[in-house]
Protein backbone atom coordinates (compact mmCIF):
# COMPACT_ATOMS: atom_id res chain seq x y z
CA MET A 1 15.21 -47.36 0.81
CA ILE A 2 12.17 -49.33 1.36
CA TYR A 3 13.59 -50.15 4.58
CA TYR A 4 14.14 -46.40 5.38
CA GLU A 5 10.68 -46.01 4.74
CA ALA A 6 9.43 -48.57 7.04
CA GLN A 7 11.66 -47.73 9.91
CA ASN A 8 10.96 -44.35 10.05
CA ASN A 9 7.24 -44.77 8.95
CA VAL A 10 7.52 -41.15 7.17
CA CYS A 11 7.90 -41.37 3.10
CA PRO A 12 10.73 -38.74 1.79
CA HIS A 13 8.41 -37.57 -0.99
CA ALA A 14 5.69 -36.42 1.78
CA GLN A 15 8.45 -34.88 3.68
CA ILE A 16 9.37 -32.75 0.69
CA GLU A 17 5.68 -32.15 0.03
CA GLU A 18 5.32 -30.72 3.44
CA GLU A 19 8.50 -28.44 3.64
CA ASN A 20 7.14 -27.01 0.14
CA THR A 21 3.69 -26.22 1.74
CA ARG A 22 5.52 -24.87 4.44
CA LYS A 23 7.76 -22.49 2.44
CA SER A 24 4.48 -21.33 0.15
CA VAL A 25 2.57 -20.25 3.37
CA ILE A 26 5.65 -18.63 4.46
CA TRP A 27 6.11 -16.97 1.12
CA TYR A 28 2.63 -15.77 0.78
CA LYS A 29 2.49 -14.41 4.56
CA GLU A 30 5.41 -12.56 3.75
CA GLN A 31 4.49 -11.15 0.62
CA ILE A 32 1.47 -9.84 1.77
CA SER A 33 2.73 -8.34 5.01
CA GLN A 34 5.54 -6.61 2.82
CA LEU A 35 2.44 -5.03 0.57
CA LYS A 36 0.39 -3.90 3.69
CA LEU A 37 3.65 -2.24 5.13
CA GLN A 38 4.26 -0.31 1.83
CA ILE A 39 0.49 0.58 1.77
CA ARG A 40 0.69 1.90 5.39
CA GLN A 41 3.73 3.92 4.54
CA LEU A 42 2.04 5.63 1.74
CA LYS A 43 -1.10 6.59 3.54
CA LEU A 44 1.48 8.06 6.47
CA ASP A 45 3.09 10.10 3.41
CA LEU A 46 -0.56 11.31 1.69
CA LYS A 47 -1.62 12.29 5.28
CA GLN A 48 1.68 14.49 5.76
CA ILE A 49 1.07 15.88 2.21
CA ASN A 50 -2.85 16.62 3.14
CA THR A 51 -2.09 18.00 6.48
CA GLY A 52 0.60 20.58 4.91
CA MET A 53 -1.87 21.10 1.98
CA GLY A 54 -4.94 22.15 4.76
CA LYS A 55 -2.10 24.28 6.41
CA THR A 56 -1.44 26.10 3.61
CA ARG A 57 -5.09 26.80 2.86
CA SER A 58 -5.84 27.93 6.26
CA GLN A 59 -2.83 30.12 6.17
CA TYR A 60 -4.46 31.81 2.82
CA ASN A 61 -8.16 31.76 3.97
CA GLN A 62 -7.24 33.43 7.22
CA SER A 63 -4.87 36.15 5.49
CA ALA A 64 -7.46 36.75 2.67
CA ALA A 65 -9.79 38.61 4.74
CA PHE A 66 -7.18 41.16 4.26
CA VAL A 67 -6.56 41.30 0.94
CA PRO A 68 -9.11 43.61 -1.09
CA ARG A 69 -11.60 42.37 -3.56
CA GLY A 70 -10.98 42.14 -7.31
CA ILE A 71 -7.89 41.64 -9.36
CA LEU A 72 -5.68 41.61 -6.22
CA ARG A 73 -7.74 39.02 -4.40
CA HIS A 74 -7.46 37.14 -7.33
CA GLY A 75 -4.08 37.05 -8.09
CA TYR A 76 -3.44 35.58 -4.12
CA LYS A 77 -5.73 32.87 -5.06
CA GLU A 78 -3.35 32.10 -7.83
CA ILE A 79 -0.41 32.08 -5.51
CA GLU A 80 -2.18 29.73 -3.25
CA ASP A 81 -2.85 27.18 -6.05
CA VAL A 82 0.65 27.66 -7.33
CA ARG A 83 2.17 26.89 -3.46
CA LEU A 84 -0.32 23.71 -3.98
CA TRP A 85 0.28 22.35 -7.40
CA GLY A 86 3.60 20.23 -6.17
CA PRO A 87 1.60 18.68 -3.30
CA GLN A 88 -1.08 18.17 -4.86
CA LYS A 89 0.86 16.38 -7.79
CA LYS A 90 2.61 14.54 -5.34
CA LYS A 91 -0.77 13.15 -3.39
CA GLN A 92 -2.29 12.13 -6.93
CA GLU A 93 0.94 9.83 -7.53
CA LEU A 94 0.65 8.31 -3.67
CA GLN A 95 -2.97 7.77 -4.55
CA GLN A 96 -2.23 5.95 -7.26
CA GLN A 97 0.65 4.17 -5.88
CA ILE A 98 -2.04 2.98 -3.18
CA ILE A 99 -4.51 1.67 -5.45
CA TYR A 100 -1.69 0.14 -7.28
CA LEU A 101 -0.53 -1.93 -4.38
CA GLU A 102 -3.93 -2.41 -3.02
CA GLN A 103 -5.15 -4.35 -6.29
CA GLN A 104 -1.63 -6.42 -5.89
CA LEU A 105 -2.36 -7.25 -2.23
CA LEU A 106 -6.01 -8.22 -3.47
CA GLY A 107 -4.57 -10.74 -6.19
CA LEU A 108 -2.17 -12.05 -3.77
CA GLN A 109 -4.30 -12.77 -1.38
CA GLN A 110 -7.03 -14.43 -3.95
CA GLN A 111 -4.12 -16.20 -5.01
CA GLN A 112 -3.22 -17.53 -1.57
CA THR A 113 -6.84 -18.38 -1.35
CA GLN A 114 -7.08 -20.54 -4.09
CA TRP A 115 -3.51 -22.18 -3.24
CA GLN A 116 -4.99 -23.23 -0.05
CA ALA A 117 -8.01 -24.70 -1.51
CA GLN A 118 -5.92 -26.64 -3.85
CA GLN A 119 -4.13 -27.67 -0.52
CA GLY A 120 -7.19 -29.03 1.11
CA GLY A 121 -8.84 -30.75 -1.52
């Protein structure tokens, strides 16, 4: 084995460390990339929900002008609230998921930075 090391001028231990370093770099990049894609998808879903809610509000605001004031208008507003309840709940769930994934992403990026500092030092 000593002959092998001298002949190739490369220590097998160094090759293993180099391979492990390369695998770690790839792992961090893949995990970070995957989280970023998940966050982007959730943000797109959130935009769709916001657009749908805005459309619903706009329809009710446009037609509310033709509804007389008083109890009838109050009932009309309640119908709008009921129609927006499901999308509002979904919106809140998406916002929570986005925050959770962004926290995971931040933690992973911090781990990567610490790992890189250890490798360099």
